[in-house]
Amino acid sequence: MLNESVLRFRRLIAGNIRVDWKKRAPSVLLFVLGFILIGLLINTAAARYRIGVGFSQSLPFDFYLIKLGEMPRKNDYVAFIMDKPNPYYKPGIQFGKRVSGISGDVLTVKGRDYYINGMFVASAMTTDTKKRPVGQFLPTLDEHGNTVIPEGRFFVLTDHPMSYDSRYWGYLEKEKILGKMIPIF
């Protein structure tokens, strides 16, 4: 047996019930305006944010928002397009890393160890998981093994020891950045 509201709806569709549209107009108008407003909000958010899903063990989270166009600060996570030639990823893939060094920071390289402003941040491996030799990023250093990170450049890492990051391919250029990553979970 159909409930009363379904029967009422069927009678309305069939034309057996008259609707006083003058009484319904404010409700219908509010519904339509609400629908338009929600559409505008979604469209505005889509222009400012992108949802990301991590498929790598490099990041400590799997889902994140990218706040498009926002430049990261030190220790923020950043989304960018990786276009440097490498044996592991296709050019144009989206990457996410943590900003460890920013323009003006002192980067020190001692052997395969990297320091930012005197604090140890990571070591570069000598081989990858398939036992192939891995090169390392060696910027022009002074006699003490130091250099200053140039303007518009970032030194990016993750805490995962197998991360493919600035230790191997160098600075991230500001122009490659999509935006700041905001972890969801």
N, C-alpha and C. Protein backbone atom coordinates (compact mmCIF):
# COMPACT_ATOMS: atom_id res chain seq x y z
N MET A 1 0.84 -1.18 0.00
CA MET A 1 0.00 0.00 0.00
C MET A 1 0.89 1.24 0.00
N LEU A 2 0.57 2.21 -0.85
CA LEU A 2 1.35 3.43 -0.95
C LEU A 2 0.98 4.39 0.17
N ASN A 3 1.99 5.10 0.62
CA ASN A 3 1.66 6.05 1.70
C ASN A 3 0.97 7.29 1.13
N GLU A 4 0.44 8.09 2.00
CA GLU A 4 -0.40 9.24 1.63
C GLU A 4 0.35 10.26 0.77
N SER A 5 1.65 10.50 1.06
CA SER A 5 2.38 11.52 0.30
C SER A 5 2.58 11.09 -1.16
N VAL A 6 2.80 9.78 -1.39
CA VAL A 6 2.97 9.30 -2.76
C VAL A 6 1.66 9.44 -3.52
N LEU A 7 0.56 9.11 -2.88
CA LEU A 7 -0.75 9.27 -3.52
C LEU A 7 -1.04 10.72 -3.84
N ARG A 8 -0.71 11.59 -2.91
CA ARG A 8 -0.92 13.04 -3.12
C ARG A 8 -0.10 13.53 -4.30
N PHE A 9 1.16 13.06 -4.38
CA PHE A 9 2.03 13.46 -5.48
C PHE A 9 1.46 12.97 -6.82
N ARG A 10 0.97 11.75 -6.86
CA ARG A 10 0.38 11.22 -8.09
C ARG A 10 -0.85 12.03 -8.52
N ARG A 11 -1.68 12.42 -7.54
CA ARG A 11 -2.85 13.24 -7.87
C ARG A 11 -2.42 14.61 -8.38
N LEU A 12 -1.35 15.15 -7.80
CA LEU A 12 -0.83 16.45 -8.24
C LEU A 12 -0.36 16.37 -9.69
N ILE A 13 0.40 15.33 -10.01
CA ILE A 13 0.91 15.14 -11.37
C ILE A 13 -0.25 14.94 -12.35
N ALA A 14 -1.23 14.21 -11.94
CA ALA A 14 -2.38 13.93 -12.81
C ALA A 14 -3.28 15.16 -12.98
N GLY A 15 -3.05 16.18 -12.18
CA GLY A 15 -3.85 17.40 -12.30
C GLY A 15 -5.10 17.40 -11.45
N ASN A 16 -5.23 16.43 -10.57
CA ASN A 16 -6.42 16.34 -9.72
C ASN A 16 -6.35 17.24 -8.50
N ILE A 17 -5.17 17.78 -8.20
CA ILE A 17 -5.02 18.67 -7.05
C ILE A 17 -4.57 20.03 -7.57
N ARG A 18 -5.20 21.05 -7.09
CA ARG A 18 -4.82 22.40 -7.49
C ARG A 18 -3.80 22.93 -6.48
N VAL A 19 -2.74 23.55 -6.99
CA VAL A 19 -1.70 24.11 -6.14
C VAL A 19 -1.84 25.62 -6.17
N ASP A 20 -1.83 26.20 -5.01
CA ASP A 20 -1.88 27.67 -4.92
C ASP A 20 -0.44 28.18 -5.04
N TRP A 21 -0.04 28.50 -6.27
CA TRP A 21 1.34 28.90 -6.52
C TRP A 21 1.70 30.21 -5.85
N LYS A 22 0.71 31.04 -5.56
CA LYS A 22 1.01 32.30 -4.86
C LYS A 22 1.54 32.01 -3.47
N LYS A 23 1.01 30.96 -2.83
CA LYS A 23 1.51 30.58 -1.50
C LYS A 23 2.85 29.85 -1.60
N ARG A 24 3.04 29.09 -2.66
CA ARG A 24 4.25 28.28 -2.84
C ARG A 24 5.42 29.08 -3.43
N ALA A 25 5.15 30.21 -4.05
CA ALA A 25 6.19 30.98 -4.74
C ALA A 25 7.40 31.30 -3.85
N PRO A 26 7.22 31.77 -2.62
CA PRO A 26 8.41 32.05 -1.80
C PRO A 26 9.27 30.81 -1.55
N SER A 27 8.64 29.66 -1.30
CA SER A 27 9.39 28.43 -1.07
C SER A 27 10.15 28.00 -2.32
N VAL A 28 9.47 28.07 -3.45
CA VAL A 28 10.10 27.69 -4.72
C VAL A 28 11.25 28.64 -5.03
N LEU A 29 11.04 29.92 -4.82
CA LEU A 29 12.08 30.92 -5.07
C LEU A 29 13.29 30.67 -4.18
N LEU A 30 13.06 30.40 -2.90
CA LEU A 30 14.18 30.11 -1.99
C LEU A 30 14.93 28.86 -2.42
N PHE A 31 14.20 27.84 -2.86
CA PHE A 31 14.84 26.62 -3.33
C PHE A 31 15.72 26.90 -4.54
N VAL A 32 15.21 27.63 -5.51
CA VAL A 32 15.97 27.93 -6.72
C VAL A 32 17.18 28.79 -6.40
N LEU A 33 17.01 29.81 -5.56
CA LEU A 33 18.13 30.67 -5.17
C LEU A 33 19.19 29.88 -4.40
N GLY A 34 18.75 28.98 -3.52
CA GLY A 34 19.69 28.13 -2.80
C GLY A 34 20.48 27.24 -3.73
N PHE A 35 19.80 26.68 -4.71
CA PHE A 35 20.46 25.84 -5.69
C PHE A 35 21.51 26.64 -6.47
N ILE A 36 21.17 27.84 -6.88
CA ILE A 36 22.12 28.71 -7.60
C ILE A 36 23.30 29.07 -6.71
N LEU A 37 23.04 29.41 -5.46
CA LEU A 37 24.11 29.77 -4.52
C LEU A 37 25.06 28.61 -4.29
N ILE A 38 24.54 27.43 -4.10
CA ILE A 38 25.39 26.25 -3.91
C ILE A 38 26.25 26.02 -5.16
N GLY A 39 25.68 26.17 -6.33
CA GLY A 39 26.44 26.03 -7.57
C GLY A 39 27.57 27.04 -7.66
N LEU A 40 27.29 28.29 -7.28
CA LEU A 40 28.34 29.32 -7.30
C LEU A 40 29.45 29.01 -6.31
N LEU A 41 29.09 28.55 -5.12
CA LEU A 41 30.10 28.21 -4.11
C LEU A 41 30.99 27.07 -4.58
N ILE A 42 30.38 26.05 -5.16
CA ILE A 42 31.16 24.92 -5.66
C ILE A 42 32.09 25.38 -6.78
N ASN A 43 31.58 26.21 -7.68
CA ASN A 43 32.40 26.71 -8.79
C ASN A 43 33.56 27.56 -8.27
N THR A 44 33.31 28.40 -7.27
CA THR A 44 34.37 29.22 -6.69
C THR A 44 35.41 28.36 -6.00
N ALA A 45 34.96 27.36 -5.23
CA ALA A 45 35.90 26.47 -4.55
C ALA A 45 36.73 25.69 -5.55
N ALA A 46 36.14 25.27 -6.65
CA ALA A 46 36.87 24.50 -7.66
C ALA A 46 37.98 25.33 -8.29
N ALA A 47 37.81 26.63 -8.34
CA ALA A 47 38.83 27.50 -8.90
C ALA A 47 39.97 27.73 -7.92
N ARG A 48 39.73 27.52 -6.63
CA ARG A 48 40.74 27.80 -5.61
C ARG A 48 41.35 26.55 -4.99
N TYR A 49 40.65 25.42 -5.09
CA TYR A 49 41.10 24.19 -4.43
C TYR A 49 41.05 23.02 -5.39
N ARG A 50 41.86 22.04 -5.11
CA ARG A 50 41.84 20.77 -5.83
C ARG A 50 42.01 19.68 -4.78
N ILE A 51 41.33 18.58 -4.95
CA ILE A 51 41.48 17.46 -4.03
C ILE A 51 42.55 16.54 -4.59
N GLY A 52 43.42 16.07 -3.70
CA GLY A 52 44.49 15.17 -4.12
C GLY A 52 44.43 13.86 -3.36
N VAL A 53 44.92 12.83 -4.02
CA VAL A 53 45.02 11.51 -3.40
C VAL A 53 46.45 11.05 -3.57
N GLY A 54 47.08 10.67 -2.45
CA GLY A 54 48.45 10.21 -2.49
C GLY A 54 48.54 8.71 -2.72
N PHE A 55 49.35 8.31 -3.68
CA PHE A 55 49.55 6.90 -3.95
C PHE A 55 50.96 6.47 -3.58
N SER A 56 51.65 7.30 -2.83
CA SER A 56 53.03 7.05 -2.47
C SER A 56 53.15 6.92 -0.96
N GLN A 57 54.14 6.21 -0.52
CA GLN A 57 54.40 6.11 0.92
C GLN A 57 55.20 7.31 1.41
N SER A 58 55.57 8.20 0.52
CA SER A 58 56.40 9.35 0.88
C SER A 58 55.70 10.32 1.82
N LEU A 59 54.38 10.45 1.66
CA LEU A 59 53.65 11.43 2.46
C LEU A 59 52.95 10.74 3.63
N PRO A 60 52.82 11.43 4.75
CA PRO A 60 52.18 10.82 5.92
C PRO A 60 50.65 10.87 5.88
N PHE A 61 50.08 11.21 4.73
CA PHE A 61 48.62 11.28 4.58
C PHE A 61 48.26 10.82 3.18
N ASP A 62 47.00 10.41 3.01
CA ASP A 62 46.55 9.89 1.72
C ASP A 62 45.67 10.85 0.95
N PHE A 63 44.92 11.71 1.66
CA PHE A 63 44.02 12.66 1.01
C PHE A 63 44.37 14.07 1.46
N TYR A 64 44.28 15.01 0.52
CA TYR A 64 44.65 16.38 0.84
C TYR A 64 43.96 17.35 -0.10
N LEU A 65 43.89 18.60 0.36
CA LEU A 65 43.44 19.70 -0.49
C LEU A 65 44.67 20.43 -0.99
N ILE A 66 44.61 20.91 -2.19
CA ILE A 66 45.66 21.80 -2.69
C ILE A 66 45.04 23.18 -2.79
N LYS A 67 45.58 24.12 -2.04
CA LYS A 67 45.13 25.50 -2.13
C LYS A 67 45.91 26.13 -3.29
N LEU A 68 45.28 26.15 -4.46
CA LEU A 68 45.94 26.56 -5.69
C LEU A 68 46.49 27.98 -5.60
N GLY A 69 47.72 28.14 -6.06
CA GLY A 69 48.34 29.46 -6.12
C GLY A 69 48.95 29.94 -4.82
N GLU A 70 48.73 29.25 -3.72
CA GLU A 70 49.30 29.70 -2.44
C GLU A 70 50.72 29.16 -2.30
N MET A 71 51.67 30.06 -2.09
CA MET A 71 53.06 29.67 -1.93
C MET A 71 53.27 29.10 -0.52
N PRO A 72 54.02 28.02 -0.43
CA PRO A 72 54.25 27.40 0.87
C PRO A 72 55.31 28.15 1.68
N ARG A 73 55.25 27.92 2.97
CA ARG A 73 56.30 28.40 3.87
C ARG A 73 57.09 27.18 4.32
N LYS A 74 58.14 27.41 5.06
CA LYS A 74 58.96 26.32 5.56
C LYS A 74 58.10 25.35 6.37
N ASN A 75 58.32 24.06 6.14
CA ASN A 75 57.62 22.94 6.78
C ASN A 75 56.19 22.72 6.27
N ASP A 76 55.70 23.55 5.35
CA ASP A 76 54.42 23.28 4.70
C ASP A 76 54.64 22.18 3.67
N TYR A 77 53.55 21.52 3.32
CA TYR A 77 53.59 20.58 2.21
C TYR A 77 53.20 21.33 0.95
N VAL A 78 53.82 20.95 -0.16
CA VAL A 78 53.62 21.66 -1.41
C VAL A 78 53.32 20.66 -2.54
N ALA A 79 52.38 21.02 -3.40
CA ALA A 79 52.08 20.22 -4.59
C ALA A 79 52.71 20.91 -5.79
N PHE A 80 53.31 20.11 -6.67
CA PHE A 80 53.98 20.70 -7.84
C PHE A 80 54.01 19.68 -8.97
N ILE A 81 54.38 20.15 -10.13
CA ILE A 81 54.51 19.29 -11.30
C ILE A 81 55.98 18.92 -11.47
N MET A 82 56.25 17.63 -11.48
CA MET A 82 57.61 17.13 -11.67
C MET A 82 57.85 16.98 -13.17
N ASP A 83 58.77 17.76 -13.68
CA ASP A 83 59.06 17.66 -15.11
C ASP A 83 60.55 17.44 -15.38
N LYS A 84 61.31 17.18 -14.31
CA LYS A 84 62.74 16.92 -14.49
C LYS A 84 62.93 15.49 -14.99
N PRO A 85 63.80 15.29 -15.96
CA PRO A 85 64.03 13.92 -16.45
C PRO A 85 64.52 13.02 -15.31
N ASN A 86 63.93 11.84 -15.24
CA ASN A 86 64.32 10.91 -14.17
C ASN A 86 63.92 9.50 -14.59
N PRO A 87 64.52 8.49 -13.96
CA PRO A 87 64.23 7.10 -14.35
C PRO A 87 62.99 6.52 -13.66
N TYR A 88 62.30 7.30 -12.84
CA TYR A 88 61.24 6.73 -12.01
C TYR A 88 59.82 7.18 -12.37
N TYR A 89 59.67 8.40 -12.83
CA TYR A 89 58.33 8.96 -13.05
C TYR A 89 58.24 9.61 -14.43
N LYS A 90 57.03 9.58 -15.00
CA LYS A 90 56.79 10.25 -16.27
C LYS A 90 56.80 11.76 -16.05
N PRO A 91 57.28 12.54 -17.01
CA PRO A 91 57.23 14.00 -16.89
C PRO A 91 55.78 14.48 -16.77
N GLY A 92 55.57 15.49 -15.98
CA GLY A 92 54.24 16.08 -15.83
C GLY A 92 53.42 15.51 -14.70
N ILE A 93 53.97 14.57 -13.94
CA ILE A 93 53.24 13.97 -12.84
C ILE A 93 53.19 14.94 -11.65
N GLN A 94 52.10 14.88 -10.90
CA GLN A 94 51.97 15.74 -9.72
C GLN A 94 52.68 15.10 -8.54
N PHE A 95 53.51 15.89 -7.87
CA PHE A 95 54.25 15.45 -6.69
C PHE A 95 53.80 16.24 -5.48
N GLY A 96 54.08 15.70 -4.31
CA GLY A 96 53.88 16.42 -3.06
C GLY A 96 55.06 16.16 -2.14
N LYS A 97 55.60 17.20 -1.55
CA LYS A 97 56.75 17.10 -0.63
C LYS A 97 56.62 18.16 0.45
N ARG A 98 57.45 18.04 1.47
CA ARG A 98 57.50 19.04 2.54
C ARG A 98 58.64 20.01 2.24
N VAL A 99 58.39 21.28 2.44
CA VAL A 99 59.40 22.31 2.21
C VAL A 99 60.36 22.32 3.40
N SER A 100 61.62 21.95 3.14
CA SER A 100 62.63 21.92 4.20
C SER A 100 63.52 23.15 4.16
N GLY A 101 63.73 23.69 2.97
CA GLY A 101 64.57 24.87 2.83
C GLY A 101 63.94 25.87 1.87
N ILE A 102 64.06 27.14 2.22
CA ILE A 102 63.50 28.22 1.39
C ILE A 102 64.61 29.17 0.96
N SER A 103 64.27 30.07 0.07
CA SER A 103 65.24 31.06 -0.40
C SER A 103 65.90 31.75 0.78
N GLY A 104 67.23 31.83 0.73
CA GLY A 104 67.99 32.49 1.79
C GLY A 104 68.53 31.54 2.85
N ASP A 105 67.97 30.33 2.94
CA ASP A 105 68.50 29.33 3.89
C ASP A 105 69.85 28.84 3.40
N VAL A 106 70.71 28.43 4.35
CA VAL A 106 72.01 27.87 4.00
C VAL A 106 71.88 26.36 3.88
N LEU A 107 72.19 25.85 2.70
CA LEU A 107 72.20 24.41 2.44
C LEU A 107 73.65 23.95 2.51
N THR A 108 73.89 22.93 3.33
CA THR A 108 75.23 22.36 3.46
C THR A 108 75.18 20.91 3.02
N VAL A 109 76.17 20.51 2.22
CA VAL A 109 76.26 19.13 1.78
C VAL A 109 77.60 18.59 2.26
N LYS A 110 77.55 17.52 3.06
CA LYS A 110 78.76 16.84 3.54
C LYS A 110 78.64 15.37 3.15
N GLY A 111 79.37 15.00 2.09
CA GLY A 111 79.22 13.65 1.57
C GLY A 111 77.83 13.49 0.98
N ARG A 112 77.03 12.61 1.58
CA ARG A 112 75.65 12.41 1.12
C ARG A 112 74.64 12.94 2.13
N ASP A 113 75.13 13.69 3.12
CA ASP A 113 74.26 14.28 4.14
C ASP A 113 73.95 15.73 3.80
N TYR A 114 72.68 16.11 4.07
CA TYR A 114 72.20 17.46 3.78
C TYR A 114 71.76 18.14 5.07
N TYR A 115 72.14 19.41 5.18
CA TYR A 115 71.81 20.22 6.35
C TYR A 115 71.18 21.52 5.87
N ILE A 116 70.20 21.99 6.60
CA ILE A 116 69.61 23.30 6.33
C ILE A 116 69.86 24.15 7.57
N ASN A 117 70.55 25.27 7.38
CA ASN A 117 70.89 26.18 8.49
C ASN A 117 71.54 25.42 9.65
N GLY A 118 72.41 24.47 9.30
CA GLY A 118 73.16 23.72 10.31
C GLY A 118 72.45 22.52 10.89
N MET A 119 71.17 22.32 10.56
CA MET A 119 70.40 21.19 11.10
C MET A 119 70.34 20.07 10.06
N PHE A 120 70.69 18.84 10.48
CA PHE A 120 70.62 17.70 9.59
C PHE A 120 69.18 17.49 9.13
N VAL A 121 68.98 17.29 7.80
CA VAL A 121 67.63 17.05 7.29
C VAL A 121 67.49 15.70 6.59
N ALA A 122 68.55 15.20 5.95
CA ALA A 122 68.42 13.93 5.23
C ALA A 122 69.77 13.47 4.69
N SER A 123 69.80 12.20 4.34
CA SER A 123 70.95 11.62 3.63
C SER A 123 70.48 11.07 2.30
N ALA A 124 71.32 11.20 1.29
CA ALA A 124 71.01 10.63 -0.02
C ALA A 124 71.49 9.19 -0.06
N MET A 125 70.70 8.33 -0.65
CA MET A 125 71.08 6.92 -0.79
C MET A 125 72.09 6.77 -1.93
N THR A 126 72.80 5.65 -1.92
CA THR A 126 73.76 5.39 -2.99
C THR A 126 73.15 4.53 -4.09
N THR A 127 72.12 3.72 -3.72
CA THR A 127 71.43 2.89 -4.71
C THR A 127 69.93 2.97 -4.47
N ASP A 128 69.16 2.67 -5.53
CA ASP A 128 67.71 2.63 -5.37
C ASP A 128 67.27 1.22 -4.95
N THR A 129 65.99 0.97 -4.93
CA THR A 129 65.47 -0.33 -4.47
C THR A 129 65.87 -1.48 -5.38
N LYS A 130 66.25 -1.17 -6.62
CA LYS A 130 66.69 -2.22 -7.55
C LYS A 130 68.21 -2.31 -7.61
N LYS A 131 68.87 -1.69 -6.63
CA LYS A 131 70.34 -1.72 -6.50
C LYS A 131 71.07 -0.99 -7.63
N ARG A 132 70.36 -0.07 -8.30
CA ARG A 132 71.00 0.75 -9.33
C ARG A 132 71.63 1.96 -8.65
N PRO A 133 72.78 2.44 -9.13
CA PRO A 133 73.39 3.63 -8.52
C PRO A 133 72.48 4.85 -8.65
N VAL A 134 72.48 5.67 -7.63
CA VAL A 134 71.66 6.88 -7.60
C VAL A 134 72.58 8.08 -7.45
N GLY A 135 72.43 9.05 -8.35
CA GLY A 135 73.20 10.28 -8.22
C GLY A 135 72.62 11.14 -7.11
N GLN A 136 73.27 12.23 -6.85
CA GLN A 136 72.76 13.15 -5.84
C GLN A 136 72.90 14.58 -6.33
N PHE A 137 72.11 15.46 -5.74
CA PHE A 137 72.15 16.88 -6.08
C PHE A 137 73.36 17.50 -5.40
N LEU A 138 74.23 18.10 -6.19
CA LEU A 138 75.40 18.80 -5.67
C LEU A 138 75.45 20.20 -6.25
N PRO A 139 74.89 21.18 -5.54
CA PRO A 139 74.96 22.55 -6.03
C PRO A 139 76.40 23.07 -5.91
N THR A 140 76.65 24.22 -6.47
CA THR A 140 77.96 24.85 -6.31
C THR A 140 78.11 25.25 -4.85
N LEU A 141 79.16 24.73 -4.21
CA LEU A 141 79.38 24.95 -2.78
C LEU A 141 80.63 25.77 -2.54
N ASP A 142 80.66 26.46 -1.40
CA ASP A 142 81.89 27.16 -1.02
C ASP A 142 82.86 26.16 -0.38
N GLU A 143 83.99 26.64 0.12
CA GLU A 143 85.00 25.75 0.68
C GLU A 143 84.55 24.99 1.93
N HIS A 144 83.44 25.42 2.53
CA HIS A 144 82.90 24.75 3.72
C HIS A 144 81.73 23.82 3.38
N GLY A 145 81.41 23.68 2.11
CA GLY A 145 80.31 22.81 1.69
C GLY A 145 78.96 23.49 1.77
N ASN A 146 78.95 24.83 1.79
CA ASN A 146 77.70 25.59 1.95
C ASN A 146 77.31 26.30 0.66
N THR A 147 76.02 26.55 0.54
CA THR A 147 75.48 27.41 -0.50
C THR A 147 74.19 28.02 0.05
N VAL A 148 73.77 29.12 -0.52
CA VAL A 148 72.51 29.75 -0.13
C VAL A 148 71.46 29.36 -1.17
N ILE A 149 70.31 28.91 -0.68
CA ILE A 149 69.23 28.54 -1.60
C ILE A 149 68.79 29.81 -2.34
N PRO A 150 68.82 29.77 -3.67
CA PRO A 150 68.52 30.97 -4.46
C PRO A 150 67.06 31.44 -4.33
N GLU A 151 66.85 32.68 -4.70
CA GLU A 151 65.50 33.27 -4.72
C GLU A 151 64.59 32.45 -5.63
N GLY A 152 63.37 32.21 -5.15
CA GLY A 152 62.39 31.49 -5.95
C GLY A 152 62.63 29.99 -6.02
N ARG A 153 63.47 29.45 -5.14
CA ARG A 153 63.78 28.02 -5.12
C ARG A 153 63.48 27.44 -3.74
N PHE A 154 63.15 26.15 -3.73
CA PHE A 154 62.83 25.44 -2.48
C PHE A 154 63.57 24.11 -2.47
N PHE A 155 63.99 23.69 -1.28
CA PHE A 155 64.58 22.37 -1.08
C PHE A 155 63.50 21.54 -0.42
N VAL A 156 63.00 20.51 -1.12
CA VAL A 156 61.84 19.76 -0.64
C VAL A 156 62.20 18.30 -0.36
N LEU A 157 61.63 17.75 0.69
CA LEU A 157 61.89 16.38 1.13
C LEU A 157 60.61 15.77 1.66
N THR A 158 60.68 14.50 1.99
CA THR A 158 59.69 13.89 2.88
C THR A 158 60.49 13.08 3.90
N ASP A 159 59.80 12.58 4.90
CA ASP A 159 60.49 11.83 5.95
C ASP A 159 60.77 10.39 5.54
N HIS A 160 60.19 9.93 4.45
CA HIS A 160 60.40 8.56 4.00
C HIS A 160 61.82 8.43 3.43
N PRO A 161 62.59 7.44 3.87
CA PRO A 161 63.99 7.33 3.41
C PRO A 161 64.13 7.06 1.91
N MET A 162 63.09 6.51 1.27
CA MET A 162 63.16 6.19 -0.16
C MET A 162 62.53 7.28 -1.03
N SER A 163 62.25 8.42 -0.47
CA SER A 163 61.61 9.50 -1.20
C SER A 163 62.52 10.01 -2.31
N TYR A 164 61.93 10.26 -3.46
CA TYR A 164 62.65 10.86 -4.59
C TYR A 164 62.40 12.36 -4.51
N ASP A 165 63.40 13.11 -4.06
CA ASP A 165 63.19 14.52 -3.73
C ASP A 165 64.42 15.36 -4.06
N SER A 166 64.53 16.52 -3.45
CA SER A 166 65.60 17.46 -3.76
C SER A 166 67.00 16.90 -3.56
N ARG A 167 67.15 15.88 -2.74
CA ARG A 167 68.47 15.25 -2.57
C ARG A 167 69.00 14.71 -3.90
N TYR A 168 68.09 14.40 -4.81
CA TYR A 168 68.47 13.76 -6.07
C TYR A 168 68.31 14.64 -7.29
N TRP A 169 67.30 15.52 -7.29
CA TRP A 169 67.07 16.33 -8.49
C TRP A 169 67.19 17.83 -8.27
N GLY A 170 67.49 18.26 -7.07
CA GLY A 170 67.79 19.67 -6.86
C GLY A 170 66.61 20.50 -6.39
N TYR A 171 66.73 21.78 -6.61
CA TYR A 171 65.73 22.73 -6.11
C TYR A 171 64.41 22.64 -6.88
N LEU A 172 63.35 22.89 -6.19
CA LEU A 172 62.04 23.05 -6.81
C LEU A 172 61.88 24.52 -7.16
N GLU A 173 61.56 24.80 -8.42
CA GLU A 173 61.38 26.16 -8.86
C GLU A 173 59.96 26.64 -8.51
N LYS A 174 59.86 27.88 -8.10
CA LYS A 174 58.58 28.49 -7.73
C LYS A 174 57.54 28.33 -8.83
N GLU A 175 57.97 28.40 -10.08
CA GLU A 175 57.05 28.33 -11.23
C GLU A 175 56.36 26.97 -11.37
N LYS A 176 56.92 25.94 -10.78
CA LYS A 176 56.36 24.58 -10.89
C LYS A 176 55.33 24.28 -9.81
N ILE A 177 55.20 25.18 -8.85
CA ILE A 177 54.32 24.94 -7.71
C ILE A 177 52.86 25.15 -8.08
N LEU A 178 52.02 24.16 -7.74
CA LEU A 178 50.57 24.28 -7.91
C LEU A 178 49.96 25.01 -6.73
N GLY A 179 50.44 24.70 -5.52
CA GLY A 179 49.92 25.34 -4.32
C GLY A 179 50.29 24.58 -3.07
N LYS A 180 49.83 25.10 -1.98
CA LYS A 180 50.08 24.52 -0.66
C LYS A 180 49.14 23.33 -0.44
N MET A 181 49.69 22.24 0.10
CA MET A 181 48.89 21.05 0.39
C MET A 181 48.39 21.12 1.83
N ILE A 182 47.11 20.82 2.00
CA ILE A 182 46.51 20.78 3.33
C ILE A 182 46.05 19.35 3.57
N PRO A 183 46.70 18.62 4.48
CA PRO A 183 46.32 17.22 4.73
C PRO A 183 44.89 17.11 5.24
N ILE A 184 44.15 16.13 4.73
CA ILE A 184 42.82 15.81 5.22
C ILE A 184 42.92 14.60 6.15
N PHE A 185 43.44 13.49 5.62
CA PHE A 185 43.77 12.30 6.43
C PHE A 185 44.57 11.35 5.60
